PDB file of N, CA and C in Angstrom:
ATOM      1  N   MET A   1      -6.847   1.199   1.794  1.00  0.00           N
ATOM      2  CA  MET A   1      -5.769   0.475   1.054  1.00  0.00           C
ATOM      3  C   MET A   1      -6.474  -0.536  -0.131  1.00  0.00           C
ATOM      4  N   ALA A   2      -5.737  -0.856  -1.311  1.00  0.00           N
ATOM      5  CA  ALA A   2      -6.457  -0.953  -2.788  1.00  0.00           C
ATOM      6  C   ALA A   2      -5.443  -1.873  -2.907  1.00  0.00           C
ATOM      7  N   ILE A   3      -5.724  -3.073  -3.969  1.00  0.00           N
ATOM      8  CA  ILE A   3      -5.038  -4.380  -4.439  1.00  0.00           C
ATOM      9  C   ILE A   3      -5.774  -4.182  -5.978  1.00  0.00           C
ATOM     10  N   LYS A   4      -4.861  -4.358  -6.855  1.00  0.00           N
ATOM     11  CA  LYS A   4      -5.939  -3.991  -8.099  1.00  0.00           C
ATOM     12  C   LYS A   4      -4.831  -5.021  -9.106  1.00  0.00           C
ATOM     13  N   LYS A   5      -5.640  -6.066  -9.412  1.00  0.00           N
ATOM     14  CA  LYS A   5      -4.833  -6.940 -10.473  1.00  0.00           C
ATOM     15  C   LYS A   5      -5.026  -7.034 -12.046  1.00  0.00           C
ATOM     16  N   GLN A   6      -4.652  -6.741 -12.559  1.00  0.00           N
ATOM     17  CA  GLN A   6      -4.114  -6.363 -13.764  1.00  0.00           C
ATOM     18  C   GLN A   6      -3.153  -7.507 -15.371  1.00  0.00           C
ATOM     19  N   PHE A   7      -4.014  -8.797 -15.631  1.00  0.00           N
ATOM     20  CA  PHE A   7      -3.472 -10.574 -15.975  1.00  0.00           C
ATOM     21  C   PHE A   7      -3.500  -9.847 -17.709  1.00  0.00           C
ATOM     22  N   LEU A   8      -1.942 -10.606 -17.903  1.00  0.00           N
ATOM     23  CA  LEU A   8      -1.858  -9.796 -19.161  1.00  0.00           C
ATOM     24  C   LEU A   8      -1.866 -11.277 -19.978  1.00  0.00           C
ATOM     25  N   LYS A   9      -2.594 -10.606 -20.889  1.00  0.00           N
ATOM     26  CA  LYS A   9      -2.930 -12.002 -22.006  1.00  0.00           C
ATOM     27  C   LYS A   9      -1.620 -12.777 -22.457  1.00  0.00           C
ATOM     28  N   THR A  10      -0.549 -12.045 -23.162  1.00  0.00           N
ATOM     29  CA  THR A  10       0.705 -12.459 -23.537  1.00  0.00           C
ATOM     30  C   THR A  10       1.474 -12.771 -22.816  1.00  0.00           C
ATOM     31  N   LYS A  11       1.311 -12.644 -21.376  1.00  0.00           N
ATOM     32  CA  LYS A  11       2.427 -13.389 -20.704  1.00  0.00           C
ATOM     33  C   LYS A  11       1.817 -13.809 -19.385  1.00  0.00           C
ATOM     34  N   PRO A  12       2.557 -15.050 -18.716  1.00  0.00           N
ATOM     35  CA  PRO A  12       1.858 -15.500 -17.438  1.00  0.00           C
ATOM     36  C   PRO A  12       2.180 -14.420 -16.158  1.00  0.00           C
ATOM     37  N   VAL A  13       1.568 -13.284 -16.763  1.00  0.00           N
ATOM     38  CA  VAL A  13       2.053 -12.184 -15.576  1.00  0.00           C
ATOM     39  C   VAL A  13       0.918 -11.570 -15.046  1.00  0.00           C
ATOM     40  N   CYS A  14       1.221 -11.071 -13.757  1.00  0.00           N
ATOM     41  CA  CYS A  14      -0.048 -10.129 -13.410  1.00  0.00           C
ATOM     42  C   CYS A  14       0.217  -9.449 -13.007  1.00  0.00           C
ATOM     43  N   LYS A  15      -0.106  -7.734 -13.457  1.00  0.00           N
ATOM     44  CA  LYS A  15       0.735  -6.590 -12.752  1.00  0.00           C
ATOM     45  C   LYS A  15      -0.534  -5.998 -12.064  1.00  0.00           C
ATOM     46  N   VAL A  16       0.194  -6.249 -10.860  1.00  0.00           N
ATOM     47  CA  VAL A  16      -0.379  -5.533  -8.835  1.00  0.00           C
ATOM     48  C   VAL A  16       0.017  -4.383  -8.709  1.00  0.00           C
ATOM     49  N   THR A  17      -1.551  -3.808  -8.776  1.00  0.00           N
ATOM     50  CA  THR A  17      -1.005  -2.296  -8.335  1.00  0.00           C
ATOM     51  C   THR A  17      -1.517  -2.242  -6.658  1.00  0.00           C
ATOM     52  N   PHE A  18      -0.467  -1.862  -5.458  1.00  0.00           N
ATOM     53  CA  PHE A  18      -0.729  -1.854  -4.573  1.00  0.00           C
ATOM     54  C   PHE A  18      -0.777  -0.105  -3.700  1.00  0.00           C
ATOM     55  N   THR A  19      -2.083  -0.078  -3.492  1.00  0.00           N
ATOM     56  CA  THR A  19      -2.690   1.816  -3.242  1.00  0.00           C
ATOM     57  C   THR A  19      -2.218   1.827  -1.710  1.00  0.00           C
ATOM     58  N   ILE A  20      -2.176   2.062  -0.749  1.00  0.00           N
ATOM     59  CA  ILE A  20      -1.945   2.485   0.651  1.00  0.00           C
ATOM     60  C   ILE A  20      -2.140   4.315   0.673  1.00  0.00           C
ATOM     61  N   THR A  21      -3.482   4.698   1.856  1.00  0.00           N
ATOM     62  CA  THR A  21      -3.220   5.606   2.311  1.00  0.00           C
ATOM     63  C   THR A  21      -1.955   6.141   3.793  1.00  0.00           C
ATOM     64  N   ALA A  22      -1.473   6.657   3.483  1.00  0.00           N
ATOM     65  CA  ALA A  22      -0.967   6.994   4.692  1.00  0.00           C
ATOM     66  C   ALA A  22      -0.361   8.658   4.677  1.00  0.00           C
ATOM     67  N   LYS A  23      -0.725   9.346   5.009  1.00  0.00           N
ATOM     68  CA  LYS A  23      -0.407  11.157   4.512  1.00  0.00           C
ATOM     69  C   LYS A  23       0.625  11.699   5.871  1.00  0.00           C
ATOM     70  N   GLU A  24       0.838  10.808   6.632  1.00  0.00           N
ATOM     71  CA  GLU A  24       1.502  11.514   7.233  1.00  0.00           C
ATOM     72  C   GLU A  24       2.963  10.623   7.503  1.00  0.00           C
ATOM     73  N   ALA A  25       3.292   9.746   6.651  1.00  0.00           N
ATOM     74  CA  ALA A  25       4.403   9.277   5.901  1.00  0.00           C
ATOM     75  C   ALA A  25       5.236   9.633   5.048  1.00  0.00           C
ATOM     76  N   GLU A  26       6.627   9.453   5.249  1.00  0.00           N
ATOM     77  CA  GLU A  26       7.904   9.718   4.261  1.00  0.00           C
ATOM     78  C   GLU A  26       7.499   8.739   2.557  1.00  0.00           C
ATOM     79  N   ASN A  27       8.059   7.323   3.679  1.00  0.00           N
ATOM     80  CA  ASN A  27       7.518   6.749   2.170  1.00  0.00           C
ATOM     81  C   ASN A  27       7.861   5.155   2.958  1.00  0.00           C
ATOM     82  N   VAL A  28       6.665   4.225   1.722  1.00  0.00           N
ATOM     83  CA  VAL A  28       6.233   3.488   1.977  1.00  0.00           C
ATOM     84  C   VAL A  28       6.478   2.205   1.000  1.00  0.00           C
ATOM     85  N   ALA A  29       6.982   0.971   1.380  1.00  0.00           N
ATOM     86  CA  ALA A  29       7.226  -0.072   0.137  1.00  0.00           C
ATOM     87  C   ALA A  29       6.303  -1.267   0.916  1.00  0.00           C
ATOM     88  N   VAL A  30       6.036  -2.071  -0.337  1.00  0.00           N
ATOM     89  CA  VAL A  30       5.741  -3.545  -0.410  1.00  0.00           C
ATOM     90  C   VAL A  30       6.698  -4.256  -0.286  1.00  0.00           C
ATOM     91  N   VAL A  31       6.515  -5.146   1.033  1.00  0.00           N
ATOM     92  CA  VAL A  31       7.717  -6.371   0.423  1.00  0.00           C
ATOM     93  C   VAL A  31       6.859  -7.735   1.130  1.00  0.00           C
ATOM     94  N   GLY A  32       7.886  -8.625   0.402  1.00  0.00           N
ATOM     95  CA  GLY A  32       6.906  -9.575   1.248  1.00  0.00           C
ATOM     96  C   GLY A  32       7.599 -11.364   0.197  1.00  0.00           C
ATOM     97  N   ASN A  33       7.213 -12.203  -0.025  1.00  0.00           N
ATOM     98  CA  ASN A  33       8.024 -13.178  -0.222  1.00  0.00           C
ATOM     99  C   ASN A  33       8.233 -13.141  -2.177  1.00  0.00           C
ATOM    100  N   PHE A  34       8.119 -11.985  -2.377  1.00  0.00           N
ATOM    101  CA  PHE A  34       8.064 -12.014  -4.390  1.00  0.00           C
ATOM    102  C   PHE A  34       9.364 -10.914  -4.221  1.00  0.00           C
ATOM    103  N   ASN A  35      10.084 -10.915  -3.402  1.00  0.00           N
ATOM    104  CA  ASN A  35      11.308  -9.814  -3.298  1.00  0.00           C
ATOM    105  C   ASN A  35      12.088  -9.981  -2.419  1.00  0.00           C
ATOM    106  N   GLU A  36      11.894 -11.313  -1.518  1.00  0.00           N
ATOM    107  CA  GLU A  36      12.666 -11.693  -0.682  1.00  0.00           C
ATOM    108  C   GLU A  36      12.578 -10.316   0.479  1.00  0.00           C
ATOM    109  N   TRP A  37      11.438 -10.051   0.720  1.00  0.00           N
ATOM    110  CA  TRP A  37      11.251  -9.496   1.668  1.00  0.00           C
ATOM    111  C   TRP A  37      12.155  -8.021   1.832  1.00  0.00           C
ATOM    112  N   ASN A  38      12.773  -7.986   0.475  1.00  0.00           N
ATOM    113  CA  ASN A  38      13.850  -6.306   0.248  1.00  0.00           C
ATOM    114  C   ASN A  38      13.039  -5.639   0.528  1.00  0.00           C
ATOM    115  N   THR A  39      13.255  -4.419   1.597  1.00  0.00           N
ATOM    116  CA  THR A  39      12.821  -3.475   1.811  1.00  0.00           C
ATOM    117  C   THR A  39      12.678  -1.890   0.843  1.00  0.00           C
ATOM    118  N   GLU A  40      13.914  -2.144   0.138  1.00  0.00           N
ATOM    119  CA  GLU A  40      14.160  -1.278  -0.522  1.00  0.00           C
ATOM    120  C   GLU A  40      13.825  -1.407  -2.271  1.00  0.00           C
ATOM    121  N   ALA A  41      13.292  -2.637  -2.411  1.00  0.00           N
ATOM    122  CA  ALA A  41      12.460  -3.141  -3.458  1.00  0.00           C
ATOM    123  C   ALA A  41      11.966  -2.433  -4.723  1.00  0.00           C
ATOM    124  N   ASN A  42      10.601  -2.600  -4.016  1.00  0.00           N
ATOM    125  CA  ASN A  42       9.740  -1.971  -4.422  1.00  0.00           C
ATOM    126  C   ASN A  42       8.945  -0.419  -3.513  1.00  0.00           C
ATOM    127  N   GLN A  43       9.484   0.116  -3.194  1.00  0.00           N
ATOM    128  CA  GLN A  43       9.661   1.573  -3.105  1.00  0.00           C
ATOM    129  C   GLN A  43       7.722   2.128  -3.765  1.00  0.00           C
ATOM    130  N   LEU A  44       7.045   2.396  -3.430  1.00  0.00           N
ATOM    131  CA  LEU A  44       5.694   3.279  -4.052  1.00  0.00           C
ATOM    132  C   LEU A  44       5.970   4.665  -3.772  1.00  0.00           C
ATOM    133  N   LYS A  45       5.273   5.133  -4.847  1.00  0.00           N
ATOM    134  CA  LYS A  45       5.389   6.801  -5.162  1.00  0.00           C
ATOM    135  C   LYS A  45       4.487   7.285  -4.044  1.00  0.00           C
ATOM    136  N   LYS A  46       4.493   8.344  -3.381  1.00  0.00           N
ATOM    137  CA  LYS A  46       3.859   9.201  -2.749  1.00  0.00           C
ATOM    138  C   LYS A  46       2.889  10.288  -3.701  1.00  0.00           C
ATOM    139  N   LEU A  47       1.144  10.068  -3.808  1.00  0.00           N
ATOM    140  CA  LEU A  47       0.479  11.127  -4.669  1.00  0.00           C
ATOM    141  C   LEU A  47       0.294  12.309  -3.645  1.00  0.00           C
ATOM    142  N   LYS A  48      -0.229  13.367  -4.277  1.00  0.00           N
ATOM    143  CA  LYS A  48      -0.692  14.340  -3.661  1.00  0.00           C
ATOM    144  C   LYS A  48      -1.614  14.162  -2.778  1.00  0.00           C
ATOM    145  N   ASN A  49      -2.480  13.503  -2.835  1.00  0.00           N
ATOM    146  CA  ASN A  49      -3.264  13.417  -2.047  1.00  0.00           C
ATOM    147  C   ASN A  49      -3.148  11.909  -0.497  1.00  0.00           C
ATOM    148  N   GLY A  50      -2.116  11.924  -0.542  1.00  0.00           N
ATOM    149  CA  GLY A  50      -1.513  11.252   0.618  1.00  0.00           C
ATOM    150  C   GLY A  50      -1.284   9.848   0.551  1.00  0.00           C
ATOM    151  N   SER A  51      -2.035   9.305  -0.230  1.00  0.00           N
ATOM    152  CA  SER A  51      -1.580   7.674  -0.955  1.00  0.00           C
ATOM    153  C   SER A  51      -0.427   7.442  -1.549  1.00  0.00           C
ATOM    154  N   PHE A  52       0.084   6.551  -1.562  1.00  0.00           N
ATOM    155  CA  PHE A  52       1.729   5.686  -2.014  1.00  0.00           C
ATOM    156  C   PHE A  52       0.849   4.508  -2.611  1.00  0.00           C
ATOM    157  N   LYS A  53       1.549   4.540  -3.940  1.00  0.00           N
ATOM    158  CA  LYS A  53       1.078   3.216  -4.883  1.00  0.00           C
ATOM    159  C   LYS A  53       2.362   3.129  -5.570  1.00  0.00           C
ATOM    160  N   GLY A  54       2.059   1.852  -6.293  1.00  0.00           N
ATOM    161  CA  GLY A  54       3.035   1.305  -6.883  1.00  0.00           C
ATOM    162  C   GLY A  54       2.691  -0.327  -7.921  1.00  0.00           C
ATOM    163  N   THR A  55       3.132  -0.340  -8.764  1.00  0.00           N
ATOM    164  CA  THR A  55       2.826  -1.348  -9.230  1.00  0.00           C
ATOM    165  C   THR A  55       4.076  -2.609  -9.459  1.00  0.00           C
ATOM    166  N   VAL A  56       3.647  -3.949  -9.273  1.00  0.00           N
ATOM    167  CA  VAL A  56       4.217  -4.734  -9.101  1.00  0.00           C
ATOM    168  C   VAL A  56       3.906  -5.978 -10.084  1.00  0.00           C
ATOM    169  N   ASP A  57       5.340  -6.721 -11.137  1.00  0.00           N
ATOM    170  CA  ASP A  57       4.563  -7.649 -12.049  1.00  0.00           C
ATOM    171  C   ASP A  57       5.123  -8.448 -11.101  1.00  0.00           C
ATOM    172  N   LEU A  58       4.220  -9.658 -11.480  1.00  0.00           N
ATOM    173  CA  LEU A  58       4.066 -11.186 -10.339  1.00  0.00           C
ATOM    174  C   LEU A  58       3.885 -12.361 -11.251  1.00  0.00           C
ATOM    175  N   ALA A  59       4.249 -13.249 -11.593  1.00  0.00           N
ATOM    176  CA  ALA A  59       4.153 -14.639 -12.016  1.00  0.00           C
ATOM    177  C   ALA A  59       2.634 -14.484 -11.735  1.00  0.00           C
ATOM    178  N   SER A  60       1.744 -15.195 -13.085  1.00  0.00           N
ATOM    179  CA  SER A  60      -0.070 -15.864 -12.946  1.00  0.00           C
ATOM    180  C   SER A  60       0.375 -17.371 -12.056  1.00  0.00           C
ATOM    181  N   ASP A  61      -0.681 -17.903 -11.559  1.00  0.00           N
ATOM    182  CA  ASP A  61      -1.072 -18.944 -10.833  1.00  0.00           C
ATOM    183  C   ASP A  61      -0.106 -19.465  -9.602  1.00  0.00           C
ATOM    184  N   ASN A  62      -0.198 -18.433  -8.755  1.00  0.00           N
ATOM    185  CA  ASN A  62       1.155 -18.071  -7.342  1.00  0.00           C
ATOM    186  C   ASN A  62       0.324 -17.616  -6.367  1.00  0.00           C
ATOM    187  N   SER A  63       1.043 -17.714  -5.537  1.00  0.00           N
ATOM    188  CA  SER A  63       0.006 -16.890  -4.064  1.00  0.00           C
ATOM    189  C   SER A  63       1.432 -16.415  -3.311  1.00  0.00           C
ATOM    190  N   TYR A  64       1.478 -15.183  -3.212  1.00  0.00           N
ATOM    191  CA  TYR A  64       2.671 -14.381  -2.620  1.00  0.00           C
ATOM    192  C   TYR A  64       1.733 -13.912  -0.873  1.00  0.00           C
ATOM    193  N   GLU A  65       2.875 -14.166   0.001  1.00  0.00           N
ATOM    194  CA  GLU A  65       3.169 -13.189   1.110  1.00  0.00           C
ATOM    195  C   GLU A  65       3.151 -11.782   1.419  1.00  0.00           C
ATOM    196  N   PHE A  66       2.421 -10.828   1.812  1.00  0.00           N
ATOM    197  CA  PHE A  66       3.516  -9.499   1.800  1.00  0.00           C
ATOM    198  C   PHE A  66       2.457  -8.911   2.863  1.00  0.00           C
ATOM    199  N   ARG A  67       3.424  -7.592   2.727  1.00  0.00           N
ATOM    200  CA  ARG A  67       3.059  -6.784   3.905  1.00  0.00           C
ATOM    201  C   ARG A  67       3.005  -4.981   3.471  1.00  0.00           C
ATOM    202  N   TYR A  68       2.806  -3.825   4.110  1.00  0.00           N
ATOM    203  CA  TYR A  68       3.921  -2.837   3.554  1.00  0.00           C
ATOM    204  C   TYR A  68       4.357  -2.037   4.976  1.00  0.00           C
ATOM    205  N   LEU A  69       5.645  -1.634   4.257  1.00  0.00           N
ATOM    206  CA  LEU A  69       6.616  -0.968   5.693  1.00  0.00           C
ATOM    207  C   LEU A  69       6.252   0.787   5.397  1.00  0.00           C
ATOM    208  N   VAL A  70       5.844   1.141   6.642  1.00  0.00           N
ATOM    209  CA  VAL A  70       5.667   2.368   6.396  1.00  0.00           C
ATOM    210  C   VAL A  70       7.269   3.019   7.294  1.00  0.00           C
ATOM    211  N   ASP A  71       7.683   4.138   6.891  1.00  0.00           N
ATOM    212  CA  ASP A  71       9.123   4.619   6.964  1.00  0.00           C
ATOM    213  C   ASP A  71       9.983   3.575   7.762  1.00  0.00           C
ATOM    214  N   GLY A  72       9.916   2.706   7.274  1.00  0.00           N
ATOM    215  CA  GLY A  72      11.314   1.839   7.660  1.00  0.00           C
ATOM    216  C   GLY A  72      10.850   1.157   9.128  1.00  0.00           C
ATOM    217  N   GLU A  73       9.401   1.313   9.538  1.00  0.00           N
ATOM    218  CA  GLU A  73       9.229   1.164  11.221  1.00  0.00           C
ATOM    219  C   GLU A  73       7.972  -0.083  11.233  1.00  0.00           C
ATOM    220  N   SER A  74       7.188   0.044  10.825  1.00  0.00           N
ATOM    221  CA  SER A  74       5.913  -0.223  10.853  1.00  0.00           C
ATOM    222  C   SER A  74       5.233  -0.950   9.747  1.00  0.00           C
ATOM    223  N   TYR A  75       5.018  -2.473  10.399  1.00  0.00           N
ATOM    224  CA  TYR A  75       4.394  -3.331   9.072  1.00  0.00           C
ATOM    225  C   TYR A  75       2.761  -3.066   9.047  1.00  0.00           C
ATOM    226  N   ILE A  76       2.487  -3.010   7.883  1.00  0.00           N
ATOM    227  CA  ILE A  76       1.201  -2.641   7.840  1.00  0.00           C
ATOM    228  C   ILE A  76      -0.016  -3.924   6.794  1.00  0.00           C
ATOM    229  N   ASN A  77      -0.750  -4.445   7.316  1.00  0.00           N
ATOM    230  CA  ASN A  77      -1.443  -5.725   6.101  1.00  0.00           C
ATOM    231  C   ASN A  77      -2.094  -4.690   5.481  1.00  0.00           C
ATOM    232  N   ASP A  78      -2.741  -5.590   4.634  1.00  0.00           N
ATOM    233  CA  ASP A  78      -3.808  -4.480   3.228  1.00  0.00           C
ATOM    234  C   ASP A  78      -4.835  -5.362   3.454  1.00  0.00           C
ATOM    235  N   GLU A  79      -5.875  -4.772   4.188  1.00  0.00           N
ATOM    236  CA  GLU A  79      -7.234  -5.612   4.458  1.00  0.00           C
ATOM    237  C   GLU A  79      -8.408  -5.996   3.161  1.00  0.00           C
ATOM    238  N   GLU A  80      -7.573  -5.673   2.109  1.00  0.00           N
ATOM    239  CA  GLU A  80      -8.330  -5.971   0.882  1.00  0.00           C
ATOM    240  C   GLU A  80      -7.435  -7.601   0.026  1.00  0.00           C
ATOM    241  N   ALA A  81      -6.379  -8.052   1.583  1.00  0.00           N
ATOM    242  CA  ALA A  81      -5.307  -9.018   0.769  1.00  0.00           C
ATOM    243  C   ALA A  81      -6.364 -10.270   1.264  1.00  0.00           C
ATOM    244  N   ASP A  82      -5.908 -11.155  -0.036  1.00  0.00           N
ATOM    245  CA  ASP A  82      -6.781 -12.476  -0.461  1.00  0.00           C
ATOM    246  C   ASP A  82      -7.310 -12.970   0.873  1.00  0.00           C
ATOM    247  N   GLU A  83      -6.434 -13.439   1.343  1.00  0.00           N
ATOM    248  CA  GLU A  83      -6.734 -13.682   2.783  1.00  0.00           C
ATOM    249  C   GLU A  83      -5.543 -13.863   3.699  1.00  0.00           C
ATOM    250  N   PHE A  84      -4.469 -14.455   5.106  1.00  0.00           N
ATOM    251  CA  PHE A  84      -4.337 -13.882   5.989  1.00  0.00           C
ATOM    252  C   PHE A  84      -3.351 -15.090   6.100  1.00  0.00           C
ATOM    253  N   ALA A  85      -1.984 -15.198   6.585  1.00  0.00           N
ATOM    254  CA  ALA A  85      -1.513 -16.457   7.054  1.00  0.00           C
ATOM    255  C   ALA A  85      -0.761 -15.756   7.933  1.00  0.00           C
ATOM    256  N   TRP A  86      -0.480 -17.012   9.414  1.00  0.00           N
ATOM    257  CA  TRP A  86       0.435 -16.739  10.322  1.00  0.00           C
ATOM    258  C   TRP A  86       1.995 -16.292   9.959  1.00  0.00           C
ATOM    259  N   ASN A  87       2.521 -15.664  10.553  1.00  0.00           N
ATOM    260  CA  ASN A  87       4.124 -15.428  10.472  1.00  0.00           C
ATOM    261  C   ASN A  87       5.139 -15.813  11.697  1.00  0.00           C
ATOM    262  N   ASP A  88       5.272 -16.673  12.170  1.00  0.00           N
ATOM    263  CA  ASP A  88       5.994 -17.138  13.212  1.00  0.00           C
ATOM    264  C   ASP A  88       7.268 -16.219  13.183  1.00  0.00           C
ATOM    265  N   PHE A  89       7.995 -15.887  12.279  1.00  0.00           N
ATOM    266  CA  PHE A  89       8.738 -14.850  12.455  1.00  0.00           C
ATOM    267  C   PHE A  89       9.032 -13.652  12.730  1.00  0.00           C
ATOM    268  N   ALA A  90       7.939 -13.287  11.918  1.00  0.00           N
ATOM    269  CA  ALA A  90       7.257 -11.751  12.135  1.00  0.00           C
ATOM    270  C   ALA A  90       6.116 -11.694  13.497  1.00  0.00           C
ATOM    271  N   GLY A  91       5.852 -12.413  13.727  1.00  0.00           N
ATOM    272  CA  GLY A  91       4.891 -12.983  14.952  1.00  0.00           C
ATOM    273  C   GLY A  91       3.428 -12.294  14.713  1.00  0.00           C
ATOM    274  N   ALA A  92       3.227 -11.866  13.564  1.00  0.00           N
ATOM    275  CA  ALA A  92       2.409 -11.501  13.008  1.00  0.00           C
ATOM    276  C   ALA A  92       1.696 -11.744  11.958  1.00  0.00           C
ATOM    277  N   GLU A  93       0.492 -11.941  11.505  1.00  0.00           N
ATOM    278  CA  GLU A  93       0.073 -12.410  10.199  1.00  0.00           C
ATOM    279  C   GLU A  93       0.801 -11.376   8.999  1.00  0.00           C
ATOM    280  N   ASN A  94       0.337 -12.096   8.080  1.00  0.00           N
ATOM    281  CA  ASN A  94       0.760 -11.443   6.603  1.00  0.00           C
ATOM    282  C   ASN A  94      -0.171 -11.997   5.703  1.00  0.00           C
ATOM    283  N   GLY A  95      -0.346 -10.752   4.685  1.00  0.00           N
ATOM    284  CA  GLY A  95      -1.754 -10.551   3.886  1.00  0.00           C
ATOM    285  C   GLY A  95      -1.205 -11.532   2.512  1.00  0.00           C
ATOM    286  N   ILE A  96      -1.725 -12.042   1.903  1.00  0.00           N
ATOM    287  CA  ILE A  96      -1.784 -12.885   0.992  1.00  0.00           C
ATOM    288  C   ILE A  96      -2.377 -12.465  -0.356  1.00  0.00           C
ATOM    289  N   ILE A  97      -1.976 -12.750  -1.621  1.00  0.00           N
ATOM    290  CA  ILE A  97      -2.650 -12.713  -2.754  1.00  0.00           C
ATOM    291  C   ILE A  97      -2.339 -13.588  -3.340  1.00  0.00           C
ATOM    292  N   LYS A  98      -3.512 -13.832  -4.125  1.00  0.00           N
ATOM    293  CA  LYS A  98      -3.489 -14.914  -5.150  1.00  0.00           C
ATOM    294  C   LYS A  98      -3.602 -14.674  -6.292  1.00  0.00           C
ATOM    295  N   LEU A  99      -3.199 -15.420  -7.081  1.00  0.00           N
ATOM    296  CA  LEU A  99      -3.014 -14.670  -8.737  1.00  0.00           C
ATOM    297  C   LEU A  99      -2.758 -15.945  -9.417  1.00  0.00           C
TER     298      LEU A  99
END
């Protein structure tokens, strides 16, 4: 798993590229409070090597909770998240990305 941040010089935006290896998965989405946990909003593209990758533009100077949703069933955290926070609704921790 990997998170790459690219801050734009001309706008208060950061292009965040999310990558997760899930060779057996059919689809993976990144969901979080930046897209109101919408499971359809940010589908990642499956690559030939079995990983999934996608880029999301997020406002700088914020932090966001997020997780990966694999095949619409299981939520997975990215081990490279900046930190983690407990979520009572999910009964688990969410990853946090700080921009």
